[in-house]
Amino acid sequence: MSQILPFTEANLKRVALLLRQALRTTFNHLLKFEIYRQEALKVKTQFERNKKIDDPVVLERVIAATEKKLAEWKHGDPYVPPCRPGGT
Protein backbone atom coordinates (compact mmCIF):
# COMPACT_ATOMS: atom_id res chain seq x y z
CA MET A 1 0.00 0.00 0.00
CA SER A 2 1.26 3.50 -0.75
CA GLN A 3 2.46 5.73 2.01
CA ILE A 4 -0.22 7.92 3.58
CA LEU A 5 0.88 11.06 5.36
CA PRO A 6 0.04 11.44 9.03
CA PHE A 7 -2.78 13.77 10.12
CA THR A 8 -4.57 13.61 6.76
CA GLU A 9 -8.15 12.56 6.17
CA ALA A 10 -7.02 9.39 4.38
CA ASN A 11 -4.90 8.42 7.38
CA LEU A 12 -7.73 9.14 9.82
CA LYS A 13 -10.08 6.89 7.83
CA ARG A 14 -7.49 4.13 7.66
CA VAL A 15 -6.81 4.22 11.40
CA ALA A 16 -10.55 4.41 12.20
CA LEU A 17 -11.12 1.30 10.08
CA LEU A 18 -8.33 -0.52 11.91
CA LEU A 19 -9.81 0.48 15.27
CA ARG A 20 -13.25 -0.82 14.26
CA GLN A 21 -11.72 -4.08 13.03
CA ALA A 22 -9.79 -4.45 16.29
CA LEU A 23 -12.93 -3.87 18.36
CA ARG A 24 -14.96 -6.34 16.28
CA THR A 25 -12.21 -8.94 16.55
CA THR A 26 -12.10 -8.44 20.30
CA PHE A 27 -15.86 -8.93 20.57
CA ASN A 28 -15.76 -12.04 18.38
CA HIS A 29 -13.34 -13.65 20.81
CA LEU A 30 -15.15 -12.67 24.01
CA LEU A 31 -18.92 -12.41 23.38
CA LYS A 32 -19.52 -11.23 26.96
CA PHE A 33 -20.13 -7.51 27.09
CA GLU A 34 -18.64 -6.98 30.57
CA ILE A 35 -15.32 -8.52 29.60
CA TYR A 36 -15.44 -6.99 26.11
CA ARG A 37 -15.77 -3.49 27.55
CA GLN A 38 -12.57 -3.89 29.59
CA GLU A 39 -10.68 -5.26 26.60
CA ALA A 40 -12.09 -2.56 24.30
CA LEU A 41 -10.65 0.08 26.61
CA LYS A 42 -7.25 -1.63 26.36
CA VAL A 43 -7.47 -1.65 22.55
CA LYS A 44 -8.46 2.02 22.50
CA THR A 45 -5.53 2.85 24.81
CA GLN A 46 -3.12 1.13 22.41
CA PHE A 47 -4.45 3.23 19.55
CA GLU A 48 -4.29 6.43 21.63
CA ARG A 49 -0.63 5.72 22.47
CA ASN A 50 0.24 5.93 18.77
CA LYS A 51 -1.96 8.93 18.03
CA LYS A 52 0.85 11.49 17.80
CA ILE A 53 3.14 9.63 15.38
CA ASP A 54 4.21 12.18 12.76
CA ASP A 55 6.89 10.25 10.88
CA PRO A 56 5.34 8.57 7.80
CA VAL A 57 7.82 5.67 7.89
CA VAL A 58 7.10 4.89 11.55
CA LEU A 59 3.37 5.32 10.92
CA GLU A 60 3.46 2.77 8.07
CA ARG A 61 5.38 0.36 10.27
CA VAL A 62 2.84 0.65 13.11
CA ILE A 63 -0.12 0.28 10.73
CA ALA A 64 1.45 -2.75 9.04
CA ALA A 65 2.08 -4.36 12.44
CA THR A 66 -1.53 -3.69 13.44
CA GLU A 67 -2.87 -5.20 10.22
CA LYS A 68 -0.67 -8.27 10.71
CA LYS A 69 -1.86 -8.68 14.30
CA LEU A 70 -5.50 -8.38 13.22
CA ALA A 71 -4.96 -11.03 10.54
CA GLU A 72 -3.46 -13.38 13.14
CA TRP A 73 -6.33 -12.83 15.59
CA LYS A 74 -9.13 -13.02 13.01
CA HIS A 75 -11.87 -15.25 14.37
CA GLY A 76 -12.84 -18.29 12.32
CA ASP A 77 -16.52 -18.00 13.20
CA PRO A 78 -17.28 -14.30 13.85
CA TYR A 79 -20.39 -13.18 15.69
CA VAL A 80 -23.27 -12.08 13.48
CA PRO A 81 -26.32 -10.56 15.20
CA PRO A 82 -29.41 -12.83 14.95
CA CYS A 83 -31.37 -10.18 13.05
CA ARG A 84 -28.77 -10.15 10.24
CA PRO A 85 -28.66 -12.65 7.36
CA GLY A 86 -26.68 -15.67 8.46
CA GLY A 87 -26.94 -14.56 12.10
CA THR A 88 -25.68 -16.78 14.87
PDB file of N, CA and C in Angstrom:
ATOM      1  N   MET A   1       0.845  -1.177   0.000  1.00  0.00           N
ATOM      2  CA  MET A   1       0.000   0.000   0.000  1.00  0.00           C
ATOM      3  C   MET A   1       0.889   1.238   0.000  1.00  0.00           C
ATOM      4  N   SER A   2       0.460   2.291  -0.686  1.00  0.00           N
ATOM      5  CA  SER A   2       1.256   3.503  -0.753  1.00  0.00           C
ATOM      6  C   SER A   2       1.279   4.204   0.596  1.00  0.00           C
ATOM      7  N   GLN A   3       2.293   5.031   0.756  1.00  0.00           N
ATOM      8  CA  GLN A   3       2.459   5.731   2.012  1.00  0.00           C
ATOM      9  C   GLN A   3       1.416   6.833   2.159  1.00  0.00           C
ATOM     10  N   ILE A   4       0.772   6.888   3.297  1.00  0.00           N
ATOM     11  CA  ILE A   4      -0.218   7.921   3.577  1.00  0.00           C
ATOM     12  C   ILE A   4       0.364   8.822   4.654  1.00  0.00           C
ATOM     13  N   LEU A   5       0.312  10.115   4.409  1.00  0.00           N
ATOM     14  CA  LEU A   5       0.878  11.059   5.359  1.00  0.00           C
ATOM     15  C   LEU A   5       0.059  11.118   6.642  1.00  0.00           C
ATOM     16  N   PRO A   6       0.754  11.334   7.769  1.00  0.00           N
ATOM     17  CA  PRO A   6       0.038  11.444   9.029  1.00  0.00           C
ATOM     18  C   PRO A   6      -0.846  12.694   9.055  1.00  0.00           C
ATOM     19  N   PHE A   7      -1.875  12.648   9.879  1.00  0.00           N
ATOM     20  CA  PHE A   7      -2.780  13.773  10.117  1.00  0.00           C
ATOM     21  C   PHE A   7      -3.527  14.219   8.869  1.00  0.00           C
ATOM     22  N   THR A   8      -3.751  13.307   7.929  1.00  0.00           N
ATOM     23  CA  THR A   8      -4.569  13.613   6.758  1.00  0.00           C
ATOM     24  C   THR A   8      -5.881  12.846   6.891  1.00  0.00           C
ATOM     25  N   GLU A   9      -6.850  13.225   6.107  1.00  0.00           N
ATOM     26  CA  GLU A   9      -8.150  12.558   6.172  1.00  0.00           C
ATOM     27  C   GLU A   9      -8.040  11.083   5.796  1.00  0.00           C
ATOM     28  N   ALA A  10      -7.203  10.791   4.798  1.00  0.00           N
ATOM     29  CA  ALA A  10      -7.020   9.395   4.384  1.00  0.00           C
ATOM     30  C   ALA A  10      -6.442   8.561   5.525  1.00  0.00           C
ATOM     31  N   ASN A  11      -5.496   9.133   6.251  1.00  0.00           N
ATOM     32  CA  ASN A  11      -4.903   8.415   7.376  1.00  0.00           C
ATOM     33  C   ASN A  11      -5.916   8.229   8.498  1.00  0.00           C
ATOM     34  N   LEU A  12      -6.709   9.251   8.767  1.00  0.00           N
ATOM     35  CA  LEU A  12      -7.729   9.136   9.815  1.00  0.00           C
ATOM     36  C   LEU A  12      -8.730   8.032   9.497  1.00  0.00           C
ATOM     37  N   LYS A  13      -9.144   7.941   8.233  1.00  0.00           N
ATOM     38  CA  LYS A  13     -10.082   6.891   7.832  1.00  0.00           C
ATOM     39  C   LYS A  13      -9.449   5.507   7.978  1.00  0.00           C
ATOM     40  N   ARG A  14      -8.196   5.408   7.589  1.00  0.00           N
ATOM     41  CA  ARG A  14      -7.491   4.127   7.656  1.00  0.00           C
ATOM     42  C   ARG A  14      -7.349   3.656   9.101  1.00  0.00           C
ATOM     43  N   VAL A  15      -6.982   4.566   9.994  1.00  0.00           N
ATOM     44  CA  VAL A  15      -6.811   4.215  11.399  1.00  0.00           C
ATOM     45  C   VAL A  15      -8.169   3.912  12.036  1.00  0.00           C
ATOM     46  N   ALA A  16      -9.204   4.674  11.672  1.00  0.00           N
ATOM     47  CA  ALA A  16     -10.546   4.410  12.204  1.00  0.00           C
ATOM     48  C   ALA A  16     -11.026   3.020  11.782  1.00  0.00           C
ATOM     49  N   LEU A  17     -10.745   2.634  10.550  1.00  0.00           N
ATOM     50  CA  LEU A  17     -11.116   1.299  10.075  1.00  0.00           C
ATOM     51  C   LEU A  17     -10.379   0.222  10.871  1.00  0.00           C
ATOM     52  N   LEU A  18      -9.099   0.443  11.120  1.00  0.00           N
ATOM     53  CA  LEU A  18      -8.325  -0.523  11.908  1.00  0.00           C
ATOM     54  C   LEU A  18      -8.873  -0.632  13.330  1.00  0.00           C
ATOM     55  N   LEU A  19      -9.250   0.501  13.917  1.00  0.00           N
ATOM     56  CA  LEU A  19      -9.808   0.477  15.267  1.00  0.00           C
ATOM     57  C   LEU A  19     -11.119  -0.309  15.294  1.00  0.00           C
ATOM     58  N   ARG A  20     -11.987  -0.071  14.324  1.00  0.00           N
ATOM     59  CA  ARG A  20     -13.250  -0.819  14.259  1.00  0.00           C
ATOM     60  C   ARG A  20     -12.998  -2.310  14.093  1.00  0.00           C
ATOM     61  N   GLN A  21     -12.047  -2.663  13.224  1.00  0.00           N
ATOM     62  CA  GLN A  21     -11.723  -4.077  13.034  1.00  0.00           C
ATOM     63  C   GLN A  21     -11.188  -4.692  14.327  1.00  0.00           C
ATOM     64  N   ALA A  22     -10.360  -3.942  15.037  1.00  0.00           N
ATOM     65  CA  ALA A  22      -9.793  -4.445  16.289  1.00  0.00           C
ATOM     66  C   ALA A  22     -10.892  -4.659  17.320  1.00  0.00           C
ATOM     67  N   LEU A  23     -11.839  -3.731  17.396  1.00  0.00           N
ATOM     68  CA  LEU A  23     -12.928  -3.872  18.358  1.00  0.00           C
ATOM     69  C   LEU A  23     -13.851  -5.039  17.989  1.00  0.00           C
ATOM     70  N   ARG A  24     -14.121  -5.211  16.710  1.00  0.00           N
ATOM     71  CA  ARG A  24     -14.955  -6.341  16.280  1.00  0.00           C
ATOM     72  C   ARG A  24     -14.262  -7.674  16.572  1.00  0.00           C
ATOM     73  N   THR A  25     -12.976  -7.724  16.289  1.00  0.00           N
ATOM     74  CA  THR A  25     -12.209  -8.942  16.547  1.00  0.00           C
ATOM     75  C   THR A  25     -12.217  -9.262  18.038  1.00  0.00           C
ATOM     76  N   THR A  26     -12.064  -8.238  18.858  1.00  0.00           N
ATOM     77  CA  THR A  26     -12.099  -8.436  20.303  1.00  0.00           C
ATOM     78  C   THR A  26     -13.447  -9.002  20.724  1.00  0.00           C
ATOM     79  N   PHE A  27     -14.528  -8.442  20.206  1.00  0.00           N
ATOM     80  CA  PHE A  27     -15.864  -8.930  20.574  1.00  0.00           C
ATOM     81  C   PHE A  27     -16.080 -10.360  20.097  1.00  0.00           C
ATOM     82  N   ASN A  28     -15.594 -10.682  18.905  1.00  0.00           N
ATOM     83  CA  ASN A  28     -15.758 -12.043  18.379  1.00  0.00           C
ATOM     84  C   ASN A  28     -15.110 -13.081  19.280  1.00  0.00           C
ATOM     85  N   HIS A  29     -14.034 -12.704  19.949  1.00  0.00           N
ATOM     86  CA  HIS A  29     -13.335 -13.652  20.814  1.00  0.00           C
ATOM     87  C   HIS A  29     -13.938 -13.728  22.206  1.00  0.00           C
ATOM     88  N   LEU A  30     -14.660 -12.692  22.633  1.00  0.00           N
ATOM     89  CA  LEU A  30     -15.151 -12.665  24.014  1.00  0.00           C
ATOM     90  C   LEU A  30     -16.643 -12.943  24.149  1.00  0.00           C
ATOM     91  N   LEU A  31     -17.466 -12.257  23.387  1.00  0.00           N
ATOM     92  CA  LEU A  31     -18.925 -12.407  23.381  1.00  0.00           C
ATOM     93  C   LEU A  31     -19.622 -12.105  24.709  1.00  0.00           C
ATOM     94  N   LYS A  32     -18.911 -11.671  25.706  1.00  0.00           N
ATOM     95  CA  LYS A  32     -19.524 -11.233  26.965  1.00  0.00           C
ATOM     96  C   LYS A  32     -19.233  -9.750  27.099  1.00  0.00           C
ATOM     97  N   PHE A  33     -20.297  -8.955  27.167  1.00  0.00           N
ATOM     98  CA  PHE A  33     -20.131  -7.511  27.094  1.00  0.00           C
ATOM     99  C   PHE A  33     -19.282  -6.947  28.232  1.00  0.00           C
ATOM    100  N   GLU A  34     -19.398  -7.500  29.435  1.00  0.00           N
ATOM    101  CA  GLU A  34     -18.642  -6.976  30.573  1.00  0.00           C
ATOM    102  C   GLU A  34     -17.137  -7.108  30.337  1.00  0.00           C
ATOM    103  N   ILE A  35     -16.733  -8.273  29.865  1.00  0.00           N
ATOM    104  CA  ILE A  35     -15.318  -8.521  29.596  1.00  0.00           C
ATOM    105  C   ILE A  35     -14.884  -7.744  28.355  1.00  0.00           C
ATOM    106  N   TYR A  36     -15.754  -7.713  27.353  1.00  0.00           N
ATOM    107  CA  TYR A  36     -15.444  -6.995  26.115  1.00  0.00           C
ATOM    108  C   TYR A  36     -15.164  -5.524  26.401  1.00  0.00           C
ATOM    109  N   ARG A  37     -15.947  -4.913  27.256  1.00  0.00           N
ATOM    110  CA  ARG A  37     -15.774  -3.488  27.554  1.00  0.00           C
ATOM    111  C   ARG A  37     -14.390  -3.210  28.119  1.00  0.00           C
ATOM    112  N   GLN A  38     -13.916  -4.056  29.015  1.00  0.00           N
ATOM    113  CA  GLN A  38     -12.571  -3.886  29.587  1.00  0.00           C
ATOM    114  C   GLN A  38     -11.502  -4.029  28.507  1.00  0.00           C
ATOM    115  N   GLU A  39     -11.659  -5.040  27.663  1.00  0.00           N
ATOM    116  CA  GLU A  39     -10.684  -5.263  26.601  1.00  0.00           C
ATOM    117  C   GLU A  39     -10.746  -4.164  25.538  1.00  0.00           C
ATOM    118  N   ALA A  40     -11.943  -3.650  25.273  1.00  0.00           N
ATOM    119  CA  ALA A  40     -12.086  -2.562  24.304  1.00  0.00           C
ATOM    120  C   ALA A  40     -11.349  -1.318  24.772  1.00  0.00           C
ATOM    121  N   LEU A  41     -11.385  -1.061  26.068  1.00  0.00           N
ATOM    122  CA  LEU A  41     -10.645   0.081  26.607  1.00  0.00           C
ATOM    123  C   LEU A  41      -9.142  -0.113  26.437  1.00  0.00           C
ATOM    124  N   LYS A  42      -8.673  -1.349  26.581  1.00  0.00           N
ATOM    125  CA  LYS A  42      -7.251  -1.634  26.364  1.00  0.00           C
ATOM    126  C   LYS A  42      -6.866  -1.402  24.904  1.00  0.00           C
ATOM    127  N   VAL A  43      -7.730  -1.842  23.987  1.00  0.00           N
ATOM    128  CA  VAL A  43      -7.472  -1.649  22.555  1.00  0.00           C
ATOM    129  C   VAL A  43      -7.431  -0.157  22.242  1.00  0.00           C
ATOM    130  N   LYS A  44      -8.391   0.577  22.740  1.00  0.00           N
ATOM    131  CA  LYS A  44      -8.460   2.025  22.503  1.00  0.00           C
ATOM    132  C   LYS A  44      -7.211   2.714  23.050  1.00  0.00           C
ATOM    133  N   THR A  45      -6.734   2.276  24.213  1.00  0.00           N
ATOM    134  CA  THR A  45      -5.526   2.849  24.808  1.00  0.00           C
ATOM    135  C   THR A  45      -4.316   2.609  23.914  1.00  0.00           C
ATOM    136  N   GLN A  46      -4.237   1.422  23.319  1.00  0.00           N
ATOM    137  CA  GLN A  46      -3.125   1.133  22.411  1.00  0.00           C
ATOM    138  C   GLN A  46      -3.152   2.066  21.204  1.00  0.00           C
ATOM    139  N   PHE A  47      -4.337   2.326  20.678  1.00  0.00           N
ATOM    140  CA  PHE A  47      -4.454   3.233  19.547  1.00  0.00           C
ATOM    141  C   PHE A  47      -4.119   4.664  19.961  1.00  0.00           C
ATOM    142  N   GLU A  48      -4.559   5.075  21.137  1.00  0.00           N
ATOM    143  CA  GLU A  48      -4.285   6.429  21.634  1.00  0.00           C
ATOM    144  C   GLU A  48      -2.784   6.650  21.828  1.00  0.00           C
ATOM    145  N   ARG A  49      -2.069   5.605  22.257  1.00  0.00           N
ATOM    146  CA  ARG A  49      -0.627   5.716  22.471  1.00  0.00           C
ATOM    147  C   ARG A  49       0.103   6.101  21.185  1.00  0.00           C
ATOM    148  N   ASN A  50      -0.412   5.663  20.053  1.00  0.00           N
ATOM    149  CA  ASN A  50       0.241   5.932  18.769  1.00  0.00           C
ATOM    150  C   ASN A  50      -0.379   7.098  18.012  1.00  0.00           C
ATOM    151  N   LYS A  51      -1.203   7.867  18.680  1.00  0.00           N
ATOM    152  CA  LYS A  51      -1.956   8.933  18.028  1.00  0.00           C
ATOM    153  C   LYS A  51      -1.074  10.063  17.492  1.00  0.00           C
ATOM    154  N   LYS A  52       0.019  10.337  18.143  1.00  0.00           N
ATOM    155  CA  LYS A  52       0.851  11.491  17.803  1.00  0.00           C
ATOM    156  C   LYS A  52       2.027  11.158  16.886  1.00  0.00           C
ATOM    157  N   ILE A  53       2.040   9.991  16.282  1.00  0.00           N
ATOM    158  CA  ILE A  53       3.139   9.634  15.377  1.00  0.00           C
ATOM    159  C   ILE A  53       3.087  10.547  14.162  1.00  0.00           C
ATOM    160  N   ASP A  54       4.197  11.249  13.893  1.00  0.00           N
ATOM    161  CA  ASP A  54       4.208  12.177  12.765  1.00  0.00           C
ATOM    162  C   ASP A  54       5.217  11.805  11.682  1.00  0.00           C
ATOM    163  N   ASP A  55       5.947  10.734  11.889  1.00  0.00           N
ATOM    164  CA  ASP A  55       6.892  10.250  10.882  1.00  0.00           C
ATOM    165  C   ASP A  55       6.188   9.221   9.995  1.00  0.00           C
ATOM    166  N   PRO A  56       6.071   9.493   8.683  1.00  0.00           N
ATOM    167  CA  PRO A  56       5.343   8.572   7.799  1.00  0.00           C
ATOM    168  C   PRO A  56       5.903   7.147   7.789  1.00  0.00           C
ATOM    169  N   VAL A  57       7.203   7.001   7.912  1.00  0.00           N
ATOM    170  CA  VAL A  57       7.815   5.667   7.892  1.00  0.00           C
ATOM    171  C   VAL A  57       7.409   4.882   9.147  1.00  0.00           C
ATOM    172  N   VAL A  58       7.484   5.536  10.289  1.00  0.00           N
ATOM    173  CA  VAL A  58       7.101   4.891  11.547  1.00  0.00           C
ATOM    174  C   VAL A  58       5.607   4.585  11.523  1.00  0.00           C
ATOM    175  N   LEU A  59       4.815   5.513  11.008  1.00  0.00           N
ATOM    176  CA  LEU A  59       3.366   5.316  10.918  1.00  0.00           C
ATOM    177  C   LEU A  59       3.039   4.083  10.073  1.00  0.00           C
ATOM    178  N   GLU A  60       3.684   3.943   8.925  1.00  0.00           N
ATOM    179  CA  GLU A  60       3.459   2.770   8.068  1.00  0.00           C
ATOM    180  C   GLU A  60       3.834   1.485   8.793  1.00  0.00           C
ATOM    181  N   ARG A  61       4.928   1.537   9.544  1.00  0.00           N
ATOM    182  CA  ARG A  61       5.385   0.358  10.272  1.00  0.00           C
ATOM    183  C   ARG A  61       4.357  -0.047  11.334  1.00  0.00           C
ATOM    184  N   VAL A  62       3.821   0.936  12.061  1.00  0.00           N
ATOM    185  CA  VAL A  62       2.836   0.653  13.109  1.00  0.00           C
ATOM    186  C   VAL A  62       1.542   0.116  12.486  1.00  0.00           C
ATOM    187  N   ILE A  63       1.109   0.725  11.388  1.00  0.00           N
ATOM    188  CA  ILE A  63      -0.125   0.276  10.731  1.00  0.00           C
ATOM    189  C   ILE A  63       0.051  -1.135  10.170  1.00  0.00           C
ATOM    190  N   ALA A  64       1.202  -1.404   9.576  1.00  0.00           N
ATOM    191  CA  ALA A  64       1.455  -2.748   9.042  1.00  0.00           C
ATOM    192  C   ALA A  64       1.467  -3.790  10.166  1.00  0.00           C
ATOM    193  N   ALA A  65       2.054  -3.441  11.301  1.00  0.00           N
ATOM    194  CA  ALA A  65       2.082  -4.362  12.439  1.00  0.00           C
ATOM    195  C   ALA A  65       0.672  -4.606  12.966  1.00  0.00           C
ATOM    196  N   THR A  66      -0.146  -3.555  12.984  1.00  0.00           N
ATOM    197  CA  THR A  66      -1.527  -3.694  13.444  1.00  0.00           C
ATOM    198  C   THR A  66      -2.326  -4.582  12.502  1.00  0.00           C
ATOM    199  N   GLU A  67      -2.163  -4.375  11.198  1.00  0.00           N
ATOM    200  CA  GLU A  67      -2.869  -5.202  10.215  1.00  0.00           C
ATOM    201  C   GLU A  67      -2.453  -6.664  10.339  1.00  0.00           C
ATOM    202  N   LYS A  68      -1.170  -6.903  10.560  1.00  0.00           N
ATOM    203  CA  LYS A  68      -0.671  -8.270  10.711  1.00  0.00           C
ATOM    204  C   LYS A  68      -1.267  -8.922  11.961  1.00  0.00           C
ATOM    205  N   LYS A  69      -1.306  -8.160  13.058  1.00  0.00           N
ATOM    206  CA  LYS A  69      -1.860  -8.678  14.304  1.00  0.00           C
ATOM    207  C   LYS A  69      -3.346  -8.995  14.149  1.00  0.00           C
ATOM    208  N   LEU A  70      -4.081  -8.131  13.452  1.00  0.00           N
ATOM    209  CA  LEU A  70      -5.503  -8.379  13.219  1.00  0.00           C
ATOM    210  C   LEU A  70      -5.714  -9.632  12.367  1.00  0.00           C
ATOM    211  N   ALA A  71      -4.848  -9.834  11.375  1.00  0.00           N
ATOM    212  CA  ALA A  71      -4.960 -11.030  10.536  1.00  0.00           C
ATOM    213  C   ALA A  71      -4.712 -12.293  11.359  1.00  0.00           C
ATOM    214  N   GLU A  72      -3.760 -12.230  12.288  1.00  0.00           N
ATOM    215  CA  GLU A  72      -3.462 -13.382  13.142  1.00  0.00           C
ATOM    216  C   GLU A  72      -4.617 -13.693  14.090  1.00  0.00           C
ATOM    217  N   TRP A  73      -5.279 -12.660  14.598  1.00  0.00           N
ATOM    218  CA  TRP A  73      -6.333 -12.828  15.590  1.00  0.00           C
ATOM    219  C   TRP A  73      -7.717 -12.969  14.980  1.00  0.00           C
ATOM    220  N   LYS A  74      -7.823 -12.939  13.654  1.00  0.00           N
ATOM    221  CA  LYS A  74      -9.127 -13.025  13.011  1.00  0.00           C
ATOM    222  C   LYS A  74      -9.847 -14.295  13.467  1.00  0.00           C
ATOM    223  N   HIS A  75     -11.087 -14.137  13.842  1.00  0.00           N
ATOM    224  CA  HIS A  75     -11.872 -15.254  14.374  1.00  0.00           C
ATOM    225  C   HIS A  75     -12.431 -16.088  13.230  1.00  0.00           C
ATOM    226  N   GLY A  76     -12.366 -17.389  13.361  1.00  0.00           N
ATOM    227  CA  GLY A  76     -12.844 -18.289  12.318  1.00  0.00           C
ATOM    228  C   GLY A  76     -14.358 -18.298  12.154  1.00  0.00           C
ATOM    229  N   ASP A  77     -15.064 -18.008  13.226  1.00  0.00           N
ATOM    230  CA  ASP A  77     -16.519 -17.996  13.200  1.00  0.00           C
ATOM    231  C   ASP A  77     -17.008 -16.717  13.892  1.00  0.00           C
ATOM    232  N   PRO A  78     -16.936 -15.563  13.204  1.00  0.00           N
ATOM    233  CA  PRO A  78     -17.275 -14.295  13.850  1.00  0.00           C
ATOM    234  C   PRO A  78     -18.747 -14.209  14.230  1.00  0.00           C
ATOM    235  N   TYR A  79     -19.018 -13.388  15.226  1.00  0.00           N
ATOM    236  CA  TYR A  79     -20.385 -13.177  15.693  1.00  0.00           C
ATOM    237  C   TYR A  79     -21.155 -12.352  14.677  1.00  0.00           C
ATOM    238  N   VAL A  80     -22.358 -12.814  14.349  1.00  0.00           N
ATOM    239  CA  VAL A  80     -23.273 -12.078  13.479  1.00  0.00           C
ATOM    240  C   VAL A  80     -24.578 -11.941  14.251  1.00  0.00           C
ATOM    241  N   PRO A  81     -25.078 -10.712  14.440  1.00  0.00           N
ATOM    242  CA  PRO A  81     -26.324 -10.559  15.197  1.00  0.00           C
ATOM    243  C   PRO A  81     -27.454 -11.403  14.601  1.00  0.00           C
ATOM    244  N   PRO A  82     -28.339 -11.946  15.434  1.00  0.00           N
ATOM    245  CA  PRO A  82     -29.410 -12.825  14.953  1.00  0.00           C
ATOM    246  C   PRO A  82     -30.328 -12.172  13.929  1.00  0.00           C
ATOM    247  N   CYS A  83     -30.473 -10.863  13.989  1.00  0.00           N
ATOM    248  CA  CYS A  83     -31.369 -10.177  13.054  1.00  0.00           C
ATOM    249  C   CYS A  83     -30.747  -9.988  11.667  1.00  0.00           C
ATOM    250  N   ARG A  84     -29.462 -10.291  11.518  1.00  0.00           N
ATOM    251  CA  ARG A  84     -28.767 -10.150  10.236  1.00  0.00           C
ATOM    252  C   ARG A  84     -28.814 -11.471   9.456  1.00  0.00           C
ATOM    253  N   PRO A  85     -28.729 -11.406   8.134  1.00  0.00           N
ATOM    254  CA  PRO A  85     -28.662 -12.651   7.364  1.00  0.00           C
ATOM    255  C   PRO A  85     -27.476 -13.517   7.791  1.00  0.00           C
ATOM    256  N   GLY A  86     -27.727 -14.770   8.026  1.00  0.00           N
ATOM    257  CA  GLY A  86     -26.675 -15.673   8.465  1.00  0.00           C
ATOM    258  C   GLY A  86     -26.323 -15.496   9.934  1.00  0.00           C
ATOM    259  N   GLY A  87     -27.197 -14.840  10.698  1.00  0.00           N
ATOM    260  CA  GLY A  87     -26.944 -14.559  12.104  1.00  0.00           C
ATOM    261  C   GLY A  87     -26.767 -15.798  12.945  1.00  0.00           C
ATOM    262  N   THR A  88     -25.960 -15.651  13.993  1.00  0.00           N
ATOM    263  CA  THR A  88     -25.675 -16.783  14.869  1.00  0.00           C
ATOM    264  C   THR A  88     -26.707 -16.932  15.952  1.00  0.00           C
TER     265      THR A  88
END
